[in-house]
Amino acid sequence: MDKELFDDLLQSLSEAKEIAQGKRKASRRIQIEQPDPKAVRERIGLSQSEFARLMRVSIKTLQNWEQHRRNPTGPAAALLKIVSNAPEVALKSLHA
């Protein structure tokens, strides 16, 4: 590794440490909004058991999402976003 690249990496690590310690503000923050599972379920008119079956998760998992004890992650979060943005397409595709 050349010296210039190493110095850039070292500087970045120092800045990251200062940000983590609250000594410096991050240059930008990215906020990712996740749809509310309960609102999505109610909007498309499904019961908890029907929606859990659609999402391929247990009812307990869905209840944890709806009560904000846990958040959907990975493929479940992506599917929830699709169902939120295009419920007709998602329902048609998942029931086929």
PDB file of N, CA and C in Angstrom:
ATOM      1  N   MET A   1       0.852  -1.171   0.000  1.00  0.00           N
ATOM      2  CA  MET A   1       0.000   0.000   0.000  1.00  0.00           C
ATOM      3  C   MET A   1       0.898   1.235   0.000  1.00  0.00           C
ATOM      4  N   ASP A   2       0.565   2.187  -0.877  1.00  0.00           N
ATOM      5  CA  ASP A   2       1.422   3.370  -0.913  1.00  0.00           C
ATOM      6  C   ASP A   2       1.125   4.287   0.270  1.00  0.00           C
ATOM      7  N   LYS A   3       2.073   5.135   0.574  1.00  0.00           N
ATOM      8  CA  LYS A   3       2.003   5.985   1.769  1.00  0.00           C
ATOM      9  C   LYS A   3       0.811   6.933   1.734  1.00  0.00           C
ATOM     10  N   GLU A   4       0.499   7.498   0.581  1.00  0.00           N
ATOM     11  CA  GLU A   4      -0.613   8.454   0.486  1.00  0.00           C
ATOM     12  C   GLU A   4      -1.949   7.780   0.826  1.00  0.00           C
ATOM     13  N   LEU A   5      -2.172   6.594   0.301  1.00  0.00           N
ATOM     14  CA  LEU A   5      -3.390   5.857   0.594  1.00  0.00           C
ATOM     15  C   LEU A   5      -3.455   5.499   2.072  1.00  0.00           C
ATOM     16  N   PHE A   6      -2.351   5.054   2.630  1.00  0.00           N
ATOM     17  CA  PHE A   6      -2.298   4.713   4.051  1.00  0.00           C
ATOM     18  C   PHE A   6      -2.615   5.933   4.910  1.00  0.00           C
ATOM     19  N   ASP A   7      -2.047   7.093   4.574  1.00  0.00           N
ATOM     20  CA  ASP A   7      -2.320   8.317   5.334  1.00  0.00           C
ATOM     21  C   ASP A   7      -3.797   8.714   5.250  1.00  0.00           C
ATOM     22  N   ASP A   8      -4.409   8.550   4.077  1.00  0.00           N
ATOM     23  CA  ASP A   8      -5.837   8.843   3.917  1.00  0.00           C
ATOM     24  C   ASP A   8      -6.677   7.919   4.800  1.00  0.00           C
ATOM     25  N   LEU A   9      -6.320   6.647   4.820  1.00  0.00           N
ATOM     26  CA  LEU A   9      -7.046   5.689   5.659  1.00  0.00           C
ATOM     27  C   LEU A   9      -6.900   6.024   7.146  1.00  0.00           C
ATOM     28  N   LEU A  10      -5.708   6.372   7.535  1.00  0.00           N
ATOM     29  CA  LEU A  10      -5.442   6.732   8.921  1.00  0.00           C
ATOM     30  C   LEU A  10      -6.241   7.969   9.321  1.00  0.00           C
ATOM     31  N   GLN A  11      -6.292   8.964   8.438  1.00  0.00           N
ATOM     32  CA  GLN A  11      -7.062  10.179   8.697  1.00  0.00           C
ATOM     33  C   GLN A  11      -8.562   9.844   8.825  1.00  0.00           C
ATOM     34  N   SER A  12      -9.053   8.988   7.949  1.00  0.00           N
ATOM     35  CA  SER A  12     -10.463   8.592   7.996  1.00  0.00           C
ATOM     36  C   SER A  12     -10.793   7.888   9.306  1.00  0.00           C
ATOM     37  N   LEU A  13      -9.915   7.016   9.753  1.00  0.00           N
ATOM     38  CA  LEU A  13     -10.132   6.327  11.017  1.00  0.00           C
ATOM     39  C   LEU A  13     -10.131   7.292  12.196  1.00  0.00           C
ATOM     40  N   SER A  14      -9.252   8.278  12.163  1.00  0.00           N
ATOM     41  CA  SER A  14      -9.217   9.289  13.223  1.00  0.00           C
ATOM     42  C   SER A  14     -10.519  10.087  13.245  1.00  0.00           C
ATOM     43  N   GLU A  15     -11.021  10.458  12.061  1.00  0.00           N
ATOM     44  CA  GLU A  15     -12.277  11.196  11.978  1.00  0.00           C
ATOM     45  C   GLU A  15     -13.440  10.334  12.472  1.00  0.00           C
ATOM     46  N   ALA A  16     -13.458   9.060  12.103  1.00  0.00           N
ATOM     47  CA  ALA A  16     -14.523   8.164  12.545  1.00  0.00           C
ATOM     48  C   ALA A  16     -14.521   8.029  14.070  1.00  0.00           C
ATOM     49  N   LYS A  17     -13.361   7.958  14.654  1.00  0.00           N
ATOM     50  CA  LYS A  17     -13.251   7.856  16.104  1.00  0.00           C
ATOM     51  C   LYS A  17     -13.790   9.120  16.768  1.00  0.00           C
ATOM     52  N   GLU A  18     -13.452  10.286  16.231  1.00  0.00           N
ATOM     53  CA  GLU A  18     -13.946  11.552  16.780  1.00  0.00           C
ATOM     54  C   GLU A  18     -15.470  11.650  16.656  1.00  0.00           C
ATOM     55  N   ILE A  19     -16.020  11.176  15.551  1.00  0.00           N
ATOM     56  CA  ILE A  19     -17.474  11.184  15.359  1.00  0.00           C
ATOM     57  C   ILE A  19     -18.133  10.263  16.385  1.00  0.00           C
ATOM     58  N   ALA A  20     -17.570   9.080  16.571  1.00  0.00           N
ATOM     59  CA  ALA A  20     -18.128   8.114  17.523  1.00  0.00           C
ATOM     60  C   ALA A  20     -18.070   8.648  18.956  1.00  0.00           C
ATOM     61  N   GLN A  21     -17.057   9.436  19.263  1.00  0.00           N
ATOM     62  CA  GLN A  21     -16.899  10.002  20.608  1.00  0.00           C
ATOM     63  C   GLN A  21     -17.700  11.290  20.787  1.00  0.00           C
ATOM     64  N   GLY A  22     -18.313  11.776  19.717  1.00  0.00           N
ATOM     65  CA  GLY A  22     -19.100  12.999  19.794  1.00  0.00           C
ATOM     66  C   GLY A  22     -18.282  14.271  19.713  1.00  0.00           C
ATOM     67  N   LYS A  23     -17.012  14.169  19.334  1.00  0.00           N
ATOM     68  CA  LYS A  23     -16.146  15.335  19.228  1.00  0.00           C
ATOM     69  C   LYS A  23     -16.283  16.035  17.880  1.00  0.00           C
ATOM     70  N   ARG A  24     -16.909  15.371  16.937  1.00  0.00           N
ATOM     71  CA  ARG A  24     -17.042  15.903  15.579  1.00  0.00           C
ATOM     72  C   ARG A  24     -18.385  15.445  15.030  1.00  0.00           C
ATOM     73  N   LYS A  25     -18.990  16.296  14.187  1.00  0.00           N
ATOM     74  CA  LYS A  25     -20.252  15.915  13.542  1.00  0.00           C
ATOM     75  C   LYS A  25     -19.962  15.186  12.239  1.00  0.00           C
ATOM     76  N   ALA A  26     -20.805  14.217  11.938  1.00  0.00           N
ATOM     77  CA  ALA A  26     -20.684  13.502  10.670  1.00  0.00           C
ATOM     78  C   ALA A  26     -21.016  14.468   9.528  1.00  0.00           C
ATOM     79  N   SER A  27     -20.366  14.292   8.397  1.00  0.00           N
ATOM     80  CA  SER A  27     -20.607  15.189   7.266  1.00  0.00           C
ATOM     81  C   SER A  27     -21.988  14.971   6.666  1.00  0.00           C
ATOM     82  N   ARG A  28     -22.521  13.762   6.791  1.00  0.00           N
ATOM     83  CA  ARG A  28     -23.879  13.475   6.326  1.00  0.00           C
ATOM     84  C   ARG A  28     -24.416  12.255   7.060  1.00  0.00           C
ATOM     85  N   ARG A  29     -25.730  12.216   7.136  1.00  0.00           N
ATOM     86  CA  ARG A  29     -26.409  11.091   7.769  1.00  0.00           C
ATOM     87  C   ARG A  29     -27.475  10.614   6.804  1.00  0.00           C
ATOM     88  N   ILE A  30     -27.616   9.325   6.710  1.00  0.00           N
ATOM     89  CA  ILE A  30     -28.632   8.748   5.832  1.00  0.00           C
ATOM     90  C   ILE A  30     -29.701   8.130   6.720  1.00  0.00           C
ATOM     91  N   GLN A  31     -30.931   8.561   6.520  1.00  0.00           N
ATOM     92  CA  GLN A  31     -32.060   8.049   7.282  1.00  0.00           C
ATOM     93  C   GLN A  31     -32.894   7.178   6.349  1.00  0.00           C
ATOM     94  N   ILE A  32     -33.073   5.935   6.705  1.00  0.00           N
ATOM     95  CA  ILE A  32     -33.872   5.026   5.894  1.00  0.00           C
ATOM     96  C   ILE A  32     -35.194   4.809   6.604  1.00  0.00           C
ATOM     97  N   GLU A  33     -36.256   5.235   5.958  1.00  0.00           N
ATOM     98  CA  GLU A  33     -37.585   5.093   6.533  1.00  0.00           C
ATOM     99  C   GLU A  33     -38.144   3.707   6.207  1.00  0.00           C
ATOM    100  N   GLN A  34     -38.580   3.013   7.233  1.00  0.00           N
ATOM    101  CA  GLN A  34     -39.210   1.709   7.028  1.00  0.00           C
ATOM    102  C   GLN A  34     -40.705   1.864   7.205  1.00  0.00           C
ATOM    103  N   PRO A  35     -41.473   1.214   6.357  1.00  0.00           N
ATOM    104  CA  PRO A  35     -42.916   1.273   6.525  1.00  0.00           C
ATOM    105  C   PRO A  35     -43.336   0.614   7.840  1.00  0.00           C
ATOM    106  N   ASP A  36     -44.422   1.103   8.413  1.00  0.00           N
ATOM    107  CA  ASP A  36     -44.963   0.532   9.649  1.00  0.00           C
ATOM    108  C   ASP A  36     -45.746  -0.730   9.299  1.00  0.00           C
ATOM    109  N   PRO A  37     -45.309  -1.886   9.779  1.00  0.00           N
ATOM    110  CA  PRO A  37     -45.983  -3.144   9.422  1.00  0.00           C
ATOM    111  C   PRO A  37     -47.476  -3.150   9.733  1.00  0.00           C
ATOM    112  N   LYS A  38     -47.858  -2.587  10.869  1.00  0.00           N
ATOM    113  CA  LYS A  38     -49.272  -2.589  11.236  1.00  0.00           C
ATOM    114  C   LYS A  38     -50.082  -1.727  10.262  1.00  0.00           C
ATOM    115  N   ALA A  39     -49.559  -0.554   9.917  1.00  0.00           N
ATOM    116  CA  ALA A  39     -50.262   0.337   8.985  1.00  0.00           C
ATOM    117  C   ALA A  39     -50.396  -0.309   7.614  1.00  0.00           C
ATOM    118  N   VAL A  40     -49.344  -0.984   7.164  1.00  0.00           N
ATOM    119  CA  VAL A  40     -49.386  -1.666   5.863  1.00  0.00           C
ATOM    120  C   VAL A  40     -50.434  -2.772   5.899  1.00  0.00           C
ATOM    121  N   ARG A  41     -50.408  -3.568   6.951  1.00  0.00           N
ATOM    122  CA  ARG A  41     -51.365  -4.683   7.076  1.00  0.00           C
ATOM    123  C   ARG A  41     -52.800  -4.172   7.094  1.00  0.00           C
ATOM    124  N   GLU A  42     -53.037  -3.129   7.875  1.00  0.00           N
ATOM    125  CA  GLU A  42     -54.393  -2.594   7.967  1.00  0.00           C
ATOM    126  C   GLU A  42     -54.845  -1.961   6.651  1.00  0.00           C
ATOM    127  N   ARG A  43     -53.921  -1.311   5.955  1.00  0.00           N
ATOM    128  CA  ARG A  43     -54.266  -0.669   4.681  1.00  0.00           C
ATOM    129  C   ARG A  43     -54.694  -1.688   3.633  1.00  0.00           C
ATOM    130  N   ILE A  44     -54.061  -2.873   3.645  1.00  0.00           N
ATOM    131  CA  ILE A  44     -54.446  -3.872   2.643  1.00  0.00           C
ATOM    132  C   ILE A  44     -55.543  -4.804   3.160  1.00  0.00           C
ATOM    133  N   GLY A  45     -55.956  -4.602   4.414  1.00  0.00           N
ATOM    134  CA  GLY A  45     -57.119  -5.300   4.936  1.00  0.00           C
ATOM    135  C   GLY A  45     -56.932  -6.762   5.285  1.00  0.00           C
ATOM    136  N   LEU A  46     -55.755  -7.110   5.782  1.00  0.00           N
ATOM    137  CA  LEU A  46     -55.514  -8.502   6.175  1.00  0.00           C
ATOM    138  C   LEU A  46     -55.445  -8.615   7.690  1.00  0.00           C
ATOM    139  N   SER A  47     -55.819  -9.779   8.201  1.00  0.00           N
ATOM    140  CA  SER A  47     -55.660 -10.059   9.627  1.00  0.00           C
ATOM    141  C   SER A  47     -54.171 -10.320   9.899  1.00  0.00           C
ATOM    142  N   GLN A  48     -53.816 -10.387  11.170  1.00  0.00           N
ATOM    143  CA  GLN A  48     -52.418 -10.677  11.507  1.00  0.00           C
ATOM    144  C   GLN A  48     -51.993 -12.028  10.952  1.00  0.00           C
ATOM    145  N   SER A  49     -52.846 -13.035  11.084  1.00  0.00           N
ATOM    146  CA  SER A  49     -52.457 -14.371  10.614  1.00  0.00           C
ATOM    147  C   SER A  49     -52.319 -14.393   9.093  1.00  0.00           C
ATOM    148  N   GLU A  50     -53.211 -13.706   8.378  1.00  0.00           N
ATOM    149  CA  GLU A  50     -53.114 -13.658   6.915  1.00  0.00           C
ATOM    150  C   GLU A  50     -51.848 -12.924   6.476  1.00  0.00           C
ATOM    151  N   PHE A  51     -51.577 -11.799   7.136  1.00  0.00           N
ATOM    152  CA  PHE A  51     -50.401 -11.011   6.754  1.00  0.00           C
ATOM    153  C   PHE A  51     -49.112 -11.747   7.106  1.00  0.00           C
ATOM    154  N   ALA A  52     -49.091 -12.414   8.259  1.00  0.00           N
ATOM    155  CA  ALA A  52     -47.910 -13.201   8.643  1.00  0.00           C
ATOM    156  C   ALA A  52     -47.652 -14.298   7.624  1.00  0.00           C
ATOM    157  N   ARG A  53     -48.719 -14.949   7.180  1.00  0.00           N
ATOM    158  CA  ARG A  53     -48.584 -16.002   6.168  1.00  0.00           C
ATOM    159  C   ARG A  53     -48.051 -15.413   4.857  1.00  0.00           C
ATOM    160  N   LEU A  54     -48.575 -14.243   4.473  1.00  0.00           N
ATOM    161  CA  LEU A  54     -48.116 -13.569   3.257  1.00  0.00           C
ATOM    162  C   LEU A  54     -46.624 -13.235   3.331  1.00  0.00           C
ATOM    163  N   MET A  55     -46.203 -12.737   4.499  1.00  0.00           N
ATOM    164  CA  MET A  55     -44.804 -12.336   4.694  1.00  0.00           C
ATOM    165  C   MET A  55     -43.888 -13.523   5.003  1.00  0.00           C
ATOM    166  N   ARG A  56     -44.492 -14.709   5.199  1.00  0.00           N
ATOM    167  CA  ARG A  56     -43.743 -15.932   5.526  1.00  0.00           C
ATOM    168  C   ARG A  56     -42.991 -15.817   6.856  1.00  0.00           C
ATOM    169  N   VAL A  57     -43.693 -15.213   7.848  1.00  0.00           N
ATOM    170  CA  VAL A  57     -43.137 -15.106   9.202  1.00  0.00           C
ATOM    171  C   VAL A  57     -44.183 -15.617  10.179  1.00  0.00           C
ATOM    172  N   SER A  58     -43.760 -15.878  11.406  1.00  0.00           N
ATOM    173  CA  SER A  58     -44.713 -16.313  12.430  1.00  0.00           C
ATOM    174  C   SER A  58     -45.549 -15.121  12.886  1.00  0.00           C
ATOM    175  N   ILE A  59     -46.703 -15.432  13.466  1.00  0.00           N
ATOM    176  CA  ILE A  59     -47.562 -14.367  13.996  1.00  0.00           C
ATOM    177  C   ILE A  59     -46.824 -13.613  15.100  1.00  0.00           C
ATOM    178  N   LYS A  60     -46.077 -14.333  15.917  1.00  0.00           N
ATOM    179  CA  LYS A  60     -45.302 -13.701  17.001  1.00  0.00           C
ATOM    180  C   LYS A  60     -44.308 -12.679  16.437  1.00  0.00           C
ATOM    181  N   THR A  61     -43.645 -13.031  15.336  1.00  0.00           N
ATOM    182  CA  THR A  61     -42.708 -12.103  14.716  1.00  0.00           C
ATOM    183  C   THR A  61     -43.439 -10.856  14.243  1.00  0.00           C
ATOM    184  N   LEU A  62     -44.576 -11.047  13.578  1.00  0.00           N
ATOM    185  CA  LEU A  62     -45.366  -9.915  13.107  1.00  0.00           C
ATOM    186  C   LEU A  62     -45.811  -9.044  14.278  1.00  0.00           C
ATOM    187  N   GLN A  63     -46.260  -9.668  15.356  1.00  0.00           N
ATOM    188  CA  GLN A  63     -46.685  -8.908  16.534  1.00  0.00           C
ATOM    189  C   GLN A  63     -45.522  -8.108  17.120  1.00  0.00           C
ATOM    190  N   ASN A  64     -44.334  -8.689  17.139  1.00  0.00           N
ATOM    191  CA  ASN A  64     -43.154  -7.955  17.612  1.00  0.00           C
ATOM    192  C   ASN A  64     -42.861  -6.744  16.725  1.00  0.00           C
ATOM    193  N   TRP A  65     -43.025  -6.898  15.408  1.00  0.00           N
ATOM    194  CA  TRP A  65     -42.836  -5.763  14.501  1.00  0.00           C
ATOM    195  C   TRP A  65     -43.874  -4.686  14.775  1.00  0.00           C
ATOM    196  N   GLU A  66     -45.133  -5.114  14.902  1.00  0.00           N
ATOM    197  CA  GLU A  66     -46.215  -4.155  15.071  1.00  0.00           C
ATOM    198  C   GLU A  66     -46.127  -3.424  16.405  1.00  0.00           C
ATOM    199  N   GLN A  67     -45.577  -4.056  17.423  1.00  0.00           N
ATOM    200  CA  GLN A  67     -45.445  -3.432  18.732  1.00  0.00           C
ATOM    201  C   GLN A  67     -44.072  -2.787  18.926  1.00  0.00           C
ATOM    202  N   HIS A  68     -43.305  -2.728  17.839  1.00  0.00           N
ATOM    203  CA  HIS A  68     -41.990  -2.066  17.790  1.00  0.00           C
ATOM    204  C   HIS A  68     -40.979  -2.643  18.781  1.00  0.00           C
ATOM    205  N   ARG A  69     -41.140  -3.932  19.079  1.00  0.00           N
ATOM    206  CA  ARG A  69     -40.128  -4.612  19.896  1.00  0.00           C
ATOM    207  C   ARG A  69     -38.974  -5.072  19.023  1.00  0.00           C
ATOM    208  N   ARG A  70     -39.276  -5.318  17.741  1.00  0.00           N
ATOM    209  CA  ARG A  70     -38.264  -5.722  16.761  1.00  0.00           C
ATOM    210  C   ARG A  70     -38.600  -5.036  15.449  1.00  0.00           C
ATOM    211  N   ASN A  71     -37.615  -5.003  14.549  1.00  0.00           N
ATOM    212  CA  ASN A  71     -37.823  -4.420  13.225  1.00  0.00           C
ATOM    213  C   ASN A  71     -37.548  -5.462  12.155  1.00  0.00           C
ATOM    214  N   PRO A  72     -38.342  -5.449  11.095  1.00  0.00           N
ATOM    215  CA  PRO A  72     -38.048  -6.374   9.996  1.00  0.00           C
ATOM    216  C   PRO A  72     -36.703  -6.011   9.368  1.00  0.00           C
ATOM    217  N   THR A  73     -35.944  -7.033   9.013  1.00  0.00           N
ATOM    218  CA  THR A  73     -34.633  -6.810   8.405  1.00  0.00           C
ATOM    219  C   THR A  73     -34.515  -7.642   7.138  1.00  0.00           C
ATOM    220  N   GLY A  74     -33.509  -7.348   6.346  1.00  0.00           N
ATOM    221  CA  GLY A  74     -33.181  -8.135   5.164  1.00  0.00           C
ATOM    222  C   GLY A  74     -34.345  -8.288   4.212  1.00  0.00           C
ATOM    223  N   PRO A  75     -34.565  -9.516   3.732  1.00  0.00           N
ATOM    224  CA  PRO A  75     -35.636  -9.764   2.764  1.00  0.00           C
ATOM    225  C   PRO A  75     -37.022  -9.380   3.278  1.00  0.00           C
ATOM    226  N   ALA A  76     -37.279  -9.554   4.575  1.00  0.00           N
ATOM    227  CA  ALA A  76     -38.589  -9.195   5.123  1.00  0.00           C
ATOM    228  C   ALA A  76     -38.818  -7.692   5.025  1.00  0.00           C
ATOM    229  N   ALA A  77     -37.794  -6.889   5.312  1.00  0.00           N
ATOM    230  CA  ALA A  77     -37.921  -5.439   5.202  1.00  0.00           C
ATOM    231  C   ALA A  77     -38.158  -5.031   3.754  1.00  0.00           C
ATOM    232  N   ALA A  78     -37.446  -5.681   2.829  1.00  0.00           N
ATOM    233  CA  ALA A  78     -37.620  -5.375   1.405  1.00  0.00           C
ATOM    234  C   ALA A  78     -39.034  -5.740   0.948  1.00  0.00           C
ATOM    235  N   LEU A  79     -39.514  -6.909   1.364  1.00  0.00           N
ATOM    236  CA  LEU A  79     -40.856  -7.336   0.977  1.00  0.00           C
ATOM    237  C   LEU A  79     -41.910  -6.403   1.573  1.00  0.00           C
ATOM    238  N   LEU A  80     -41.718  -5.980   2.802  1.00  0.00           N
ATOM    239  CA  LEU A  80     -42.650  -5.058   3.433  1.00  0.00           C
ATOM    240  C   LEU A  80     -42.723  -3.736   2.661  1.00  0.00           C
ATOM    241  N   LYS A  81     -41.581  -3.267   2.212  1.00  0.00           N
ATOM    242  CA  LYS A  81     -41.550  -2.029   1.426  1.00  0.00           C
ATOM    243  C   LYS A  81     -42.286  -2.215   0.098  1.00  0.00           C
ATOM    244  N   ILE A  82     -42.110  -3.359  -0.536  1.00  0.00           N
ATOM    245  CA  ILE A  82     -42.809  -3.643  -1.796  1.00  0.00           C
ATOM    246  C   ILE A  82     -44.312  -3.702  -1.559  1.00  0.00           C
ATOM    247  N   VAL A  83     -44.724  -4.399  -0.507  1.00  0.00           N
ATOM    248  CA  VAL A  83     -46.151  -4.501  -0.193  1.00  0.00           C
ATOM    249  C   VAL A  83     -46.712  -3.109   0.109  1.00  0.00           C
ATOM    250  N   SER A  84     -45.926  -2.277   0.778  1.00  0.00           N
ATOM    251  CA  SER A  84     -46.365  -0.928   1.109  1.00  0.00           C
ATOM    252  C   SER A  84     -46.532  -0.061  -0.139  1.00  0.00           C
ATOM    253  N   ASN A  85     -45.575  -0.165  -1.062  1.00  0.00           N
ATOM    254  CA  ASN A  85     -45.585   0.703  -2.244  1.00  0.00           C
ATOM    255  C   ASN A  85     -46.474   0.198  -3.371  1.00  0.00           C
ATOM    256  N   ALA A  86     -46.617  -1.098  -3.506  1.00  0.00           N
ATOM    257  CA  ALA A  86     -47.410  -1.672  -4.606  1.00  0.00           C
ATOM    258  C   ALA A  86     -48.191  -2.881  -4.100  1.00  0.00           C
ATOM    259  N   PRO A  87     -49.176  -2.650  -3.230  1.00  0.00           N
ATOM    260  CA  PRO A  87     -49.872  -3.786  -2.613  1.00  0.00           C
ATOM    261  C   PRO A  87     -50.560  -4.707  -3.614  1.00  0.00           C
ATOM    262  N   GLU A  88     -51.147  -4.148  -4.656  1.00  0.00           N
ATOM    263  CA  GLU A  88     -51.856  -4.997  -5.630  1.00  0.00           C
ATOM    264  C   GLU A  88     -50.893  -5.953  -6.322  1.00  0.00           C
ATOM    265  N   VAL A  89     -49.759  -5.418  -6.746  1.00  0.00           N
ATOM    266  CA  VAL A  89     -48.759  -6.236  -7.436  1.00  0.00           C
ATOM    267  C   VAL A  89     -48.202  -7.290  -6.492  1.00  0.00           C
ATOM    268  N   ALA A  90     -47.886  -6.877  -5.269  1.00  0.00           N
ATOM    269  CA  ALA A  90     -47.312  -7.811  -4.290  1.00  0.00           C
ATOM    270  C   ALA A  90     -48.307  -8.926  -3.967  1.00  0.00           C
ATOM    271  N   LEU A  91     -49.555  -8.568  -3.700  1.00  0.00           N
ATOM    272  CA  LEU A  91     -50.560  -9.582  -3.365  1.00  0.00           C
ATOM    273  C   LEU A  91     -50.781 -10.538  -4.534  1.00  0.00           C
ATOM    274  N   LYS A  92     -50.857  -9.983  -5.732  1.00  0.00           N
ATOM    275  CA  LYS A  92     -51.056 -10.835  -6.917  1.00  0.00           C
ATOM    276  C   LYS A  92     -49.869 -11.795  -7.088  1.00  0.00           C
ATOM    277  N   SER A  93     -48.665 -11.276  -6.922  1.00  0.00           N
ATOM    278  CA  SER A  93     -47.457 -12.096  -7.113  1.00  0.00           C
ATOM    279  C   SER A  93     -47.319 -13.155  -6.024  1.00  0.00           C
ATOM    280  N   LEU A  94     -47.614 -12.802  -4.788  1.00  0.00           N
ATOM    281  CA  LEU A  94     -47.420 -13.730  -3.674  1.00  0.00           C
ATOM    282  C   LEU A  94     -48.525 -14.770  -3.568  1.00  0.00           C
ATOM    283  N   HIS A  95     -49.684 -14.494  -4.139  1.00  0.00           N
ATOM    284  CA  HIS A  95     -50.782 -15.464  -4.100  1.00  0.00           C
ATOM    285  C   HIS A  95     -50.814 -16.342  -5.338  1.00  0.00           C
ATOM    286  N   ALA A  96     -49.931 -16.071  -6.311  1.00  0.00           N
ATOM    287  CA  ALA A  96     -49.937 -16.851  -7.566  1.00  0.00           C
ATOM    288  C   ALA A  96     -49.394 -18.243  -7.338  1.00  0.00           C
TER     289      ALA A  96
END
